[in-house]
PDB file of all heavy atoms in Angstrom:
ATOM      1  N   ASN A   1      13.007 -95.085-231.345  1.00  0.00           N
ATOM      2  CA  ASN A   1      13.253 -96.314-230.605  1.00  0.00           C
ATOM      3  C   ASN A   1      12.511 -96.269-229.276  1.00  0.00           C
ATOM      4  O   ASN A   1      12.555 -95.265-228.558  1.00  0.00           O
ATOM      5  CB  ASN A   1      14.753 -96.494-230.363  1.00  0.00           C
ATOM      6  CG  ASN A   1      15.520 -96.730-231.656  1.00  0.00           C
ATOM      7  OD1 ASN A   1      14.989 -97.299-232.607  1.00  0.00           O
ATOM      8  ND2 ASN A   1      16.761 -96.284-231.693  1.00  0.00           N
ATOM      9  N   VAL A   2      11.866 -97.360-228.946  1.00  0.00           N
ATOM     10  CA  VAL A   2      11.086 -97.425-227.707  1.00  0.00           C
ATOM     11  C   VAL A   2      12.002 -97.848-226.569  1.00  0.00           C
ATOM     12  O   VAL A   2      12.642 -98.895-226.643  1.00  0.00           O
ATOM     13  CB  VAL A   2       9.912 -98.414-227.848  1.00  0.00           C
ATOM     14  CG1 VAL A   2       9.101 -98.464-226.552  1.00  0.00           C
ATOM     15  CG2 VAL A   2       9.032 -98.032-229.027  1.00  0.00           C
ATOM     16  N   PRO A   3      12.084 -97.048-225.500  1.00  0.00           N
ATOM     17  CA  PRO A   3      12.951 -97.424-224.367  1.00  0.00           C
ATOM     18  C   PRO A   3      12.389 -98.624-223.625  1.00  0.00           C
ATOM     19  O   PRO A   3      11.233 -99.013-223.794  1.00  0.00           O
ATOM     20  CB  PRO A   3      12.937 -96.165-223.499  1.00  0.00           C
ATOM     21  CG  PRO A   3      11.653 -95.483-223.831  1.00  0.00           C
ATOM     22  CD  PRO A   3      11.401 -95.775-225.288  1.00  0.00           C
ATOM     23  N   GLU A   4      13.200 -99.206-222.751  1.00  0.00           N
ATOM     24  CA  GLU A   4      12.766-100.353-221.965  1.00  0.00           C
ATOM     25  C   GLU A   4      11.701 -99.926-220.953  1.00  0.00           C
ATOM     26  O   GLU A   4      11.757 -98.828-220.391  1.00  0.00           O
ATOM     27  CB  GLU A   4      13.951-100.980-221.224  1.00  0.00           C
ATOM     28  CG  GLU A   4      14.990-101.617-222.150  1.00  0.00           C
ATOM     29  CD  GLU A   4      16.105-102.271-221.359  1.00  0.00           C
ATOM     30  OE1 GLU A   4      16.093-102.162-220.111  1.00  0.00           O
ATOM     31  OE2 GLU A   4      16.987-102.882-221.995  1.00  0.00           O
ATOM     32  N   LEU A   5      10.746-100.816-220.735  1.00  0.00           N
ATOM     33  CA  LEU A   5       9.621-100.516-219.842  1.00  0.00           C
ATOM     34  C   LEU A   5      10.096-100.185-218.439  1.00  0.00           C
ATOM     35  O   LEU A   5       9.669 -99.178-217.852  1.00  0.00           O
ATOM     36  CB  LEU A   5       8.655-101.701-219.817  1.00  0.00           C
ATOM     37  CG  LEU A   5       7.519-101.639-218.785  1.00  0.00           C
ATOM     38  CD1 LEU A   5       6.650-100.421-219.007  1.00  0.00           C
ATOM     39  CD2 LEU A   5       6.687-102.918-218.830  1.00  0.00           C
ATOM     40  N   GLN A   6      10.959-101.009-217.874  1.00  0.00           N
ATOM     41  CA  GLN A   6      11.391-100.802-216.498  1.00  0.00           C
ATOM     42  C   GLN A   6      12.159 -99.495-216.345  1.00  0.00           C
ATOM     43  O   GLN A   6      12.061 -98.818-215.316  1.00  0.00           O
ATOM     44  CB  GLN A   6      12.258-101.974-216.022  1.00  0.00           C
ATOM     45  CG  GLN A   6      12.461-102.018-214.521  1.00  0.00           C
ATOM     46  CD  GLN A   6      11.151-102.092-213.737  1.00  0.00           C
ATOM     47  OE1 GLN A   6      10.249-102.855-214.084  1.00  0.00           O
ATOM     48  NE2 GLN A   6      11.033-101.291-212.681  1.00  0.00           N
ATOM     49  N   SER A   7      12.895 -99.118-217.384  1.00  0.00           N
ATOM     50  CA  SER A   7      13.635 -97.858-217.347  1.00  0.00           C
ATOM     51  C   SER A   7      12.683 -96.669-217.299  1.00  0.00           C
ATOM     52  O   SER A   7      12.892 -95.718-216.532  1.00  0.00           O
ATOM     53  CB  SER A   7      14.554 -97.750-218.574  1.00  0.00           C
ATOM     54  OG  SER A   7      15.155 -96.485-218.641  1.00  0.00           O
ATOM     55  N   VAL A   8      11.637 -96.733-218.110  1.00  0.00           N
ATOM     56  CA  VAL A   8      10.646 -95.648-218.125  1.00  0.00           C
ATOM     57  C   VAL A   8       9.946 -95.546-216.775  1.00  0.00           C
ATOM     58  O   VAL A   8       9.779 -94.446-216.219  1.00  0.00           O
ATOM     59  CB  VAL A   8       9.607 -95.867-219.243  1.00  0.00           C
ATOM     60  CG1 VAL A   8       8.540 -94.779-219.206  1.00  0.00           C
ATOM     61  CG2 VAL A   8      10.285 -95.887-220.605  1.00  0.00           C
ATOM     62  N   TYR A   9       9.581 -96.696-216.213  1.00  0.00           N
ATOM     63  CA  TYR A   9       8.861 -96.676-214.930  1.00  0.00           C
ATOM     64  C   TYR A   9       9.752 -96.153-213.805  1.00  0.00           C
ATOM     65  O   TYR A   9       9.302 -95.371-212.956  1.00  0.00           O
ATOM     66  CB  TYR A   9       8.362 -98.078-214.578  1.00  0.00           C
ATOM     67  CG  TYR A   9       7.737 -98.142-213.204  1.00  0.00           C
ATOM     68  CD1 TYR A   9       6.499 -97.554-212.955  1.00  0.00           C
ATOM     69  CD2 TYR A   9       8.398 -98.774-212.150  1.00  0.00           C
ATOM     70  CE1 TYR A   9       5.927 -97.586-211.696  1.00  0.00           C
ATOM     71  CE2 TYR A   9       7.831 -98.812-210.885  1.00  0.00           C
ATOM     72  CZ  TYR A   9       6.599 -98.219-210.667  1.00  0.00           C
ATOM     73  OH  TYR A   9       6.044 -98.244-209.420  1.00  0.00           O
ATOM     74  N   SER A  10      11.009 -96.579-213.798  1.00  0.00           N
ATOM     75  CA  SER A  10      11.927 -96.129-212.741  1.00  0.00           C
ATOM     76  C   SER A  10      12.089 -94.613-212.759  1.00  0.00           C
ATOM     77  O   SER A  10      12.122 -93.960-211.704  1.00  0.00           O
ATOM     78  CB  SER A  10      13.291 -96.805-212.909  1.00  0.00           C
ATOM     79  OG  SER A  10      13.181 -98.210-212.770  1.00  0.00           O
ATOM     80  N   GLU A  11      12.181 -94.046-213.958  1.00  0.00           N
ATOM     81  CA  GLU A  11      12.304 -92.594-214.062  1.00  0.00           C
ATOM     82  C   GLU A  11      11.009 -91.904-213.661  1.00  0.00           C
ATOM     83  O   GLU A  11      11.021 -90.870-212.981  1.00  0.00           O
ATOM     84  CB  GLU A  11      12.705 -92.203-215.486  1.00  0.00           C
ATOM     85  CG  GLU A  11      14.109 -92.652-215.861  1.00  0.00           C
ATOM     86  CD  GLU A  11      14.450 -92.365-217.309  1.00  0.00           C
ATOM     87  OE1 GLU A  11      13.513 -92.246-218.122  1.00  0.00           O
ATOM     88  OE2 GLU A  11      15.645 -92.259-217.616  1.00  0.00           O
ATOM     89  N   ALA A  12       9.883 -92.491-214.058  1.00  0.00           N
ATOM     90  CA  ALA A  12       8.584 -91.888-213.744  1.00  0.00           C
ATOM     91  C   ALA A  12       8.325 -91.885-212.242  1.00  0.00           C
ATOM     92  O   ALA A  12       7.868 -90.873-211.683  1.00  0.00           O
ATOM     93  CB  ALA A  12       7.471 -92.629-214.478  1.00  0.00           C
ATOM     94  N   VAL A  13       8.600 -92.996-211.578  1.00  0.00           N
ATOM     95  CA  VAL A  13       8.303 -93.090-210.146  1.00  0.00           C
ATOM     96  C   VAL A  13       9.205 -92.168-209.331  1.00  0.00           C
ATOM     97  O   VAL A  13       8.865 -91.785-208.199  1.00  0.00           O
ATOM     98  CB  VAL A  13       8.434 -94.556-209.673  1.00  0.00           C
ATOM     99  CG1 VAL A  13       9.884 -94.942-209.437  1.00  0.00           C
ATOM    100  CG2 VAL A  13       7.603 -94.806-208.411  1.00  0.00           C
ATOM    101  N   ALA A  14      10.345 -91.781-209.922  1.00  0.00           N
ATOM    102  CA  ALA A  14      11.277 -90.908-209.206  1.00  0.00           C
ATOM    103  C   ALA A  14      10.934 -89.426-209.367  1.00  0.00           C
ATOM    104  O   ALA A  14      11.248 -88.621-208.489  1.00  0.00           O
ATOM    105  CB  ALA A  14      12.703 -91.168-209.693  1.00  0.00           C
ATOM    106  N   ILE A  15      10.282 -89.057-210.476  1.00  0.00           N
ATOM    107  CA  ILE A  15      10.107 -87.628-210.766  1.00  0.00           C
ATOM    108  C   ILE A  15       8.667 -87.153-210.745  1.00  0.00           C
ATOM    109  O   ILE A  15       8.418 -85.956-210.545  1.00  0.00           O
ATOM    110  CB  ILE A  15      10.721 -87.269-212.144  1.00  0.00           C
ATOM    111  CG1 ILE A  15       9.978 -88.007-213.268  1.00  0.00           C
ATOM    112  CG2 ILE A  15      12.197 -87.578-212.173  1.00  0.00           C
ATOM    113  CD1 ILE A  15      10.425 -87.603-214.655  1.00  0.00           C
ATOM    114  N   LEU A  16       7.696 -88.021-210.943  1.00  0.00           N
ATOM    115  CA  LEU A  16       6.316 -87.548-211.068  1.00  0.00           C
ATOM    116  C   LEU A  16       5.798 -87.013-209.734  1.00  0.00           C
ATOM    117  O   LEU A  16       5.969 -87.646-208.680  1.00  0.00           O
ATOM    118  CB  LEU A  16       5.407 -88.658-211.589  1.00  0.00           C
ATOM    119  CG  LEU A  16       5.572 -88.996-213.074  1.00  0.00           C
ATOM    120  CD1 LEU A  16       4.526 -90.002-213.507  1.00  0.00           C
ATOM    121  CD2 LEU A  16       5.478 -87.751-213.941  1.00  0.00           C
ATOM    122  N   PRO A  17       5.156 -85.851-209.741  1.00  0.00           N
ATOM    123  CA  PRO A  17       4.724 -85.211-208.489  1.00  0.00           C
ATOM    124  C   PRO A  17       3.683 -85.996-207.721  1.00  0.00           C
ATOM    125  O   PRO A  17       3.650 -85.926-206.491  1.00  0.00           O
ATOM    126  CB  PRO A  17       4.178 -83.863-208.963  1.00  0.00           C
ATOM    127  CG  PRO A  17       3.846 -84.043-210.407  1.00  0.00           C
ATOM    128  CD  PRO A  17       4.850 -85.027-210.918  1.00  0.00           C
ATOM    129  N   GLU A  18       2.813 -86.760-208.406  1.00  0.00           N
ATOM    130  CA  GLU A  18       1.786 -87.484-207.667  1.00  0.00           C
ATOM    131  C   GLU A  18       2.392 -88.555-206.760  1.00  0.00           C
ATOM    132  O   GLU A  18       1.865 -88.842-205.677  1.00  0.00           O
ATOM    133  CB  GLU A  18       0.750 -88.100-208.603  1.00  0.00           C
ATOM    134  CG  GLU A  18       1.322 -88.982-209.705  1.00  0.00           C
ATOM    135  CD  GLU A  18       1.484 -88.223-211.002  1.00  0.00           C
ATOM    136  OE1 GLU A  18       1.944 -87.068-210.937  1.00  0.00           O
ATOM    137  OE2 GLU A  18       1.175 -88.792-212.067  1.00  0.00           O
ATOM    138  N   ILE A  19       3.516 -89.157-207.196  1.00  0.00           N
ATOM    139  CA  ILE A  19       4.196 -90.147-206.360  1.00  0.00           C
ATOM    140  C   ILE A  19       4.877 -89.457-205.184  1.00  0.00           C
ATOM    141  O   ILE A  19       4.756 -89.877-204.028  1.00  0.00           O
ATOM    142  CB  ILE A  19       5.215 -90.937-207.189  1.00  0.00           C
ATOM    143  CG1 ILE A  19       4.523 -91.673-208.346  1.00  0.00           C
ATOM    144  CG2 ILE A  19       5.944 -91.943-206.294  1.00  0.00           C
ATOM    145  CD1 ILE A  19       3.476 -92.668-207.932  1.00  0.00           C
ATOM    146  N   ASN A  20       5.598 -88.379-205.475  1.00  0.00           N
ATOM    147  CA  ASN A  20       6.284 -87.648-204.405  1.00  0.00           C
ATOM    148  C   ASN A  20       5.291 -87.013-203.433  1.00  0.00           C
ATOM    149  O   ASN A  20       5.582 -86.889-202.236  1.00  0.00           O
ATOM    150  CB  ASN A  20       7.203 -86.584-205.014  1.00  0.00           C
ATOM    151  CG  ASN A  20       8.397 -87.203-205.729  1.00  0.00           C
ATOM    152  OD1 ASN A  20       8.947 -88.191-205.261  1.00  0.00           O
ATOM    153  ND2 ASN A  20       8.791 -86.627-206.850  1.00  0.00           N
ATOM    154  N   ALA A  21       4.122 -86.604-203.942  1.00  0.00           N
ATOM    155  CA  ALA A  21       3.091 -86.055-203.057  1.00  0.00           C
ATOM    156  C   ALA A  21       2.575 -87.128-202.095  1.00  0.00           C
ATOM    157  O   ALA A  21       2.317 -86.860-200.918  1.00  0.00           O
ATOM    158  CB  ALA A  21       1.942 -85.474-203.874  1.00  0.00           C
ATOM    159  N   SER A  22       2.435 -88.361-202.587  1.00  0.00           N
ATOM    160  CA  SER A  22       1.995 -89.463-201.719  1.00  0.00           C
ATOM    161  C   SER A  22       3.061 -89.803-200.682  1.00  0.00           C
ATOM    162  O   SER A  22       2.741 -90.126-199.531  1.00  0.00           O
ATOM    163  CB  SER A  22       1.675 -90.699-202.573  1.00  0.00           C
ATOM    164  OG  SER A  22       0.521 -90.485-203.356  1.00  0.00           O
ATOM    165  N   LYS A  23       4.342 -89.727-201.097  1.00  0.00           N
ATOM    166  CA  LYS A  23       5.417 -89.957-200.120  1.00  0.00           C
ATOM    167  C   LYS A  23       5.394 -88.869-199.047  1.00  0.00           C
ATOM    168  O   LYS A  23       5.570 -89.164-197.854  1.00  0.00           O
ATOM    169  CB  LYS A  23       6.765 -89.965-200.837  1.00  0.00           C
ATOM    170  CG  LYS A  23       6.974 -91.164-201.760  1.00  0.00           C
ATOM    171  CD  LYS A  23       8.318 -91.072-202.464  1.00  0.00           C
ATOM    172  CE  LYS A  23       8.526 -92.258-203.401  1.00  0.00           C
ATOM    173  NZ  LYS A  23       9.818 -92.157-204.149  1.00  0.00           N
ATOM    174  N   THR A  24       5.182 -87.640-199.466  1.00  0.00           N
ATOM    175  CA  THR A  24       5.102 -86.536-198.508  1.00  0.00           C
ATOM    176  C   THR A  24       3.908 -86.702-197.582  1.00  0.00           C
ATOM    177  O   THR A  24       3.962 -86.339-196.402  1.00  0.00           O
ATOM    178  CB  THR A  24       5.013 -85.192-199.247  1.00  0.00           C
ATOM    179  OG1 THR A  24       6.115 -85.070-200.149  1.00  0.00           O
ATOM    180  CG2 THR A  24       5.039 -84.024-198.280  1.00  0.00           C
ATOM    181  N   ASN A  25       2.825 -87.256-198.114  1.00  0.00           N
ATOM    182  CA  ASN A  25       1.630 -87.467-197.299  1.00  0.00           C
ATOM    183  C   ASN A  25       1.903 -88.434-196.147  1.00  0.00           C
ATOM    184  O   ASN A  25       1.335 -88.288-195.057  1.00  0.00           O
ATOM    185  CB  ASN A  25       0.490 -88.001-198.170  1.00  0.00           C
ATOM    186  CG  ASN A  25      -0.849 -87.973-197.457  1.00  0.00           C
ATOM    187  OD1 ASN A  25      -1.197 -87.001-196.804  1.00  0.00           O
ATOM    188  ND2 ASN A  25      -1.593 -89.059-197.564  1.00  0.00           N
ATOM    189  N   VAL A  26       2.775 -89.410-196.383  1.00  0.00           N
ATOM    190  CA  VAL A  26       3.167 -90.321-195.296  1.00  0.00           C
ATOM    191  C   VAL A  26       3.887 -89.537-194.210  1.00  0.00           C
ATOM    192  O   VAL A  26       3.631 -89.717-193.009  1.00  0.00           O
ATOM    193  CB  VAL A  26       4.067 -91.451-195.852  1.00  0.00           C
ATOM    194  CG1 VAL A  26       4.572 -92.323-194.698  1.00  0.00           C
ATOM    195  CG2 VAL A  26       3.307 -92.313-196.850  1.00  0.00           C
ATOM    196  N   GLN A  27       4.779 -88.628-194.611  1.00  0.00           N
ATOM    197  CA  GLN A  27       5.509 -87.811-193.643  1.00  0.00           C
ATOM    198  C   GLN A  27       4.573 -86.871-192.883  1.00  0.00           C
ATOM    199  O   GLN A  27       4.731 -86.657-191.672  1.00  0.00           O
ATOM    200  CB  GLN A  27       6.594 -87.005-194.361  1.00  0.00           C
ATOM    201  CG  GLN A  27       7.666 -87.867-195.012  1.00  0.00           C
ATOM    202  CD  GLN A  27       8.652 -87.035-195.815  1.00  0.00           C
ATOM    203  OE1 GLN A  27       8.271 -86.279-196.699  1.00  0.00           O
ATOM    204  NE2 GLN A  27       9.931 -87.171-195.502  1.00  0.00           N
ATOM    205  N   VAL A  28       3.593 -86.324-193.582  1.00  0.00           N
ATOM    206  CA  VAL A  28       2.597 -85.460-192.933  1.00  0.00           C
ATOM    207  C   VAL A  28       1.840 -86.249-191.863  1.00  0.00           C
ATOM    208  O   VAL A  28       1.611 -85.763-190.746  1.00  0.00           O
ATOM    209  CB  VAL A  28       1.613 -84.882-193.975  1.00  0.00           C
ATOM    210  CG1 VAL A  28       0.445 -84.187-193.291  1.00  0.00           C
ATOM    211  CG2 VAL A  28       2.332 -83.895-194.895  1.00  0.00           C
ATOM    212  N   SER A  29       1.477 -87.478-192.192  1.00  0.00           N
ATOM    213  CA  SER A  29       0.749 -88.319-191.233  1.00  0.00           C
ATOM    214  C   SER A  29       1.635 -88.689-190.043  1.00  0.00           C
ATOM    215  O   SER A  29       1.150 -88.786-188.904  1.00  0.00           O
ATOM    216  CB  SER A  29       0.252 -89.588-191.932  1.00  0.00           C
ATOM    217  OG  SER A  29      -0.632 -89.265-192.995  1.00  0.00           O
ATOM    218  N   GLU A  30       2.915 -88.872-190.281  1.00  0.00           N
ATOM    219  CA  GLU A  30       3.837 -89.181-189.183  1.00  0.00           C
ATOM    220  C   GLU A  30       3.970 -87.989-188.235  1.00  0.00           C
ATOM    221  O   GLU A  30       4.060 -88.170-187.010  1.00  0.00           O
ATOM    222  CB  GLU A  30       5.208 -89.572-189.748  1.00  0.00           C
ATOM    223  CG  GLU A  30       5.202 -90.933-190.439  1.00  0.00           C
ATOM    224  CD  GLU A  30       6.503 -91.228-191.180  1.00  0.00           C
ATOM    225  OE1 GLU A  30       7.286 -90.273-191.399  1.00  0.00           O
ATOM    226  OE2 GLU A  30       6.722 -92.393-191.557  1.00  0.00           O
ATOM    227  N   LYS A  31       4.001 -86.783-188.788  1.00  0.00           N
ATOM    228  CA  LYS A  31       4.037 -85.596-187.929  1.00  0.00           C
ATOM    229  C   LYS A  31       2.739 -85.451-187.139  1.00  0.00           C
ATOM    230  O   LYS A  31       2.733 -84.982-186.000  1.00  0.00           O
ATOM    231  CB  LYS A  31       4.282 -84.343-188.772  1.00  0.00           C
ATOM    232  CG  LYS A  31       5.728 -84.159-189.167  1.00  0.00           C
ATOM    233  CD  LYS A  31       6.598 -84.071-187.932  1.00  0.00           C
ATOM    234  CE  LYS A  31       8.069 -84.233-188.270  1.00  0.00           C
ATOM    235  NZ  LYS A  31       8.900 -84.400-187.063  1.00  0.00           N
ATOM    236  N   ALA A  32       1.624 -85.836-187.746  1.00  0.00           N
ATOM    237  CA  ALA A  32       0.347 -85.802-187.022  1.00  0.00           C
ATOM    238  C   ALA A  32       0.387 -86.737-185.813  1.00  0.00           C
ATOM    239  O   ALA A  32      -0.198 -86.435-184.757  1.00  0.00           O
ATOM    240  CB  ALA A  32      -0.793 -86.179-187.957  1.00  0.00           C
ATOM    241  N   LEU A  33       1.092 -87.858-185.958  1.00  0.00           N
ATOM    242  CA  LEU A  33       1.248 -88.775-184.823  1.00  0.00           C
ATOM    243  C   LEU A  33       2.078 -88.133-183.721  1.00  0.00           C
ATOM    244  O   LEU A  33       1.740 -88.242-182.525  1.00  0.00           O
ATOM    245  CB  LEU A  33       1.906 -90.069-185.297  1.00  0.00           C
ATOM    246  CG  LEU A  33       2.216 -91.106-184.213  1.00  0.00           C
ATOM    247  CD1 LEU A  33       0.937 -91.551-183.507  1.00  0.00           C
ATOM    248  CD2 LEU A  33       2.955 -92.305-184.803  1.00  0.00           C
ATOM    249  N   ASP A  34       3.165 -87.453-184.099  1.00  0.00           N
ATOM    250  CA  ASP A  34       3.991 -86.764-183.096  1.00  0.00           C
ATOM    251  C   ASP A  34       3.178 -85.689-182.362  1.00  0.00           C
ATOM    252  O   ASP A  34       3.320 -85.509-181.144  1.00  0.00           O
ATOM    253  CB  ASP A  34       5.198 -86.116-183.767  1.00  0.00           C
ATOM    254  CG  ASP A  34       6.178 -87.146-184.312  1.00  0.00           C
ATOM    255  OD1 ASP A  34       6.160 -88.296-183.825  1.00  0.00           O
ATOM    256  OD2 ASP A  34       6.942 -86.804-185.239  1.00  0.00           O
ATOM    257  N   ILE A  35       2.344 -84.985-183.122  1.00  0.00           N
ATOM    258  CA  ILE A  35       1.500 -83.947-182.510  1.00  0.00           C
ATOM    259  C   ILE A  35       0.519 -84.574-181.526  1.00  0.00           C
ATOM    260  O   ILE A  35       0.304 -84.067-180.410  1.00  0.00           O
ATOM    261  CB  ILE A  35       0.755 -83.157-183.599  1.00  0.00           C
ATOM    262  CG1 ILE A  35       1.744 -82.345-184.442  1.00  0.00           C
ATOM    263  CG2 ILE A  35      -0.284 -82.226-182.978  1.00  0.00           C
ATOM    264  CD1 ILE A  35       1.143 -81.730-185.684  1.00  0.00           C
ATOM    265  N   ALA A  36      -0.071 -85.696-181.921  1.00  0.00           N
ATOM    266  CA  ALA A  36      -1.039 -86.362-181.046  1.00  0.00           C
ATOM    267  C   ALA A  36      -0.369 -86.861-179.768  1.00  0.00           C
ATOM    268  O   ALA A  36      -0.927 -86.730-178.660  1.00  0.00           O
ATOM    269  CB  ALA A  36      -1.708 -87.512-181.786  1.00  0.00           C
ATOM    270  N   LYS A  37       0.839 -87.403-179.876  1.00  0.00           N
ATOM    271  CA  LYS A  37       1.555 -87.889-178.686  1.00  0.00           C
ATOM    272  C   LYS A  37       1.908 -86.749-177.740  1.00  0.00           C
ATOM    273  O   LYS A  37       2.043 -86.953-176.528  1.00  0.00           O
ATOM    274  CB  LYS A  37       2.825 -88.627-179.109  1.00  0.00           C
ATOM    275  CG  LYS A  37       2.561 -89.987-179.744  1.00  0.00           C
ATOM    276  CD  LYS A  37       3.871 -90.662-180.133  1.00  0.00           C
ATOM    277  CE  LYS A  37       3.620 -92.055-180.707  1.00  0.00           C
ATOM    278  NZ  LYS A  37       4.897 -92.711-181.118  1.00  0.00           N
ATOM    279  N   GLY A  38       2.060 -85.548-178.281  1.00  0.00           N
ATOM    280  CA  GLY A  38       2.346 -84.393-177.441  1.00  0.00           C
ATOM    281  C   GLY A  38       1.234 -84.100-176.452  1.00  0.00           C
ATOM    282  O   GLY A  38       1.454 -83.388-175.457  1.00  0.00           O
ATOM    283  N   GLY A  39       0.040 -84.630-176.727  1.00  0.00           N
ATOM    284  CA  GLY A  39      -1.083 -84.421-175.810  1.00  0.00           C
ATOM    285  C   GLY A  39      -0.895 -85.097-174.464  1.00  0.00           C
ATOM    286  O   GLY A  39      -1.597 -84.779-173.497  1.00  0.00           O
ATOM    287  N   TYR A  40       0.064 -86.071-174.376  1.00  0.00           N
ATOM    288  CA  TYR A  40       0.340 -86.736-173.099  1.00  0.00           C
ATOM    289  C   TYR A  40       1.228 -85.883-172.193  1.00  0.00           C
ATOM    290  O   TYR A  40       1.335 -86.143-170.999  1.00  0.00           O
ATOM    291  CB  TYR A  40       1.050 -88.069-173.340  1.00  0.00           C
ATOM    292  CG  TYR A  40       0.167 -89.153-173.917  1.00  0.00           C
ATOM    293  CD1 TYR A  40       0.493 -89.787-175.112  1.00  0.00           C
ATOM    294  CD2 TYR A  40      -0.988 -89.565-173.244  1.00  0.00           C
ATOM    295  CE1 TYR A  40      -0.294 -90.796-175.630  1.00  0.00           C
ATOM    296  CE2 TYR A  40      -1.795 -90.572-173.766  1.00  0.00           C
ATOM    297  CZ  TYR A  40      -1.438 -91.192-174.960  1.00  0.00           C
ATOM    298  OH  TYR A  40      -2.225 -92.179-175.471  1.00  0.00           O
ATOM    299  N   LEU A  41       1.899 -84.872-172.751  1.00  0.00           N
ATOM    300  CA  LEU A  41       2.895 -84.097-172.009  1.00  0.00           C
ATOM    301  C   LEU A  41       2.284 -82.803-171.465  1.00  0.00           C
ATOM    302  O   LEU A  41       1.296 -82.295-171.999  1.00  0.00           O
ATOM    303  CB  LEU A  41       4.083 -83.776-172.921  1.00  0.00           C
ATOM    304  CG  LEU A  41       4.800 -84.998-173.514  1.00  0.00           C
ATOM    305  CD1 LEU A  41       5.907 -84.555-174.467  1.00  0.00           C
ATOM    306  CD2 LEU A  41       5.374 -85.886-172.401  1.00  0.00           C
ATOM    307  N   PRO A  42       2.904 -82.242-170.396  1.00  0.00           N
ATOM    308  CA  PRO A  42       2.367 -81.010-169.805  1.00  0.00           C
ATOM    309  C   PRO A  42       2.633 -79.792-170.684  1.00  0.00           C
ATOM    310  O   PRO A  42       3.488 -79.824-171.576  1.00  0.00           O
ATOM    311  CB  PRO A  42       3.120 -80.902-168.473  1.00  0.00           C
ATOM    312  CG  PRO A  42       4.391 -81.648-168.689  1.00  0.00           C
ATOM    313  CD  PRO A  42       4.043 -82.777-169.628  1.00  0.00           C
ATOM    314  N   THR A  43       1.901 -78.727-170.402  1.00  0.00           N
ATOM    315  CA  THR A  43       2.063 -77.449-171.094  1.00  0.00           C
ATOM    316  C   THR A  43       2.508 -76.400-170.090  1.00  0.00           C
ATOM    317  O   THR A  43       1.884 -76.242-169.029  1.00  0.00           O
ATOM    318  CB  THR A  43       0.739 -77.015-171.743  1.00  0.00           C
ATOM    319  OG1 THR A  43       0.332 -77.982-172.706  1.00  0.00           O
ATOM    320  CG2 THR A  43       0.904 -75.663-172.439  1.00  0.00           C
ATOM    321  N   LEU A  44       3.592 -75.710-170.415  1.00  0.00           N
ATOM    322  CA  LEU A  44       4.118 -74.661-169.548  1.00  0.00           C
ATOM    323  C   LEU A  44       3.988 -73.326-170.266  1.00  0.00           C
ATOM    324  O   LEU A  44       4.464 -73.167-171.392  1.00  0.00           O
ATOM    325  CB  LEU A  44       5.585 -74.924-169.209  1.00  0.00           C
ATOM    326  CG  LEU A  44       6.289 -73.876-168.323  1.00  0.00           C
ATOM    327  CD1 LEU A  44       5.626 -73.810-166.946  1.00  0.00           C
ATOM    328  CD2 LEU A  44       7.781 -74.177-168.204  1.00  0.00           C
ATOM    329  N   SER A  45       3.345 -72.351-169.607  1.00  0.00           N
ATOM    330  CA  SER A  45       3.109 -71.037-170.204  1.00  0.00           C
ATOM    331  C   SER A  45       3.607 -69.944-169.275  1.00  0.00           C
ATOM    332  O   SER A  45       3.560 -70.073-168.041  1.00  0.00           O
ATOM    333  CB  SER A  45       1.618 -70.831-170.489  1.00  0.00           C
ATOM    334  OG  SER A  45       1.122 -71.822-171.358  1.00  0.00           O
TER     335      SER A  45
END
């Protein structure tokens, strides 16, 4: 029996690594922004 299309897609988008890797890439880019903003602040050594 062939499952429903939307059911298959919902499961795929939740588990496939390429989708989760792209979501993680957004988080990586957000951290890069935080790092860049740190350049406005002083450094104490």
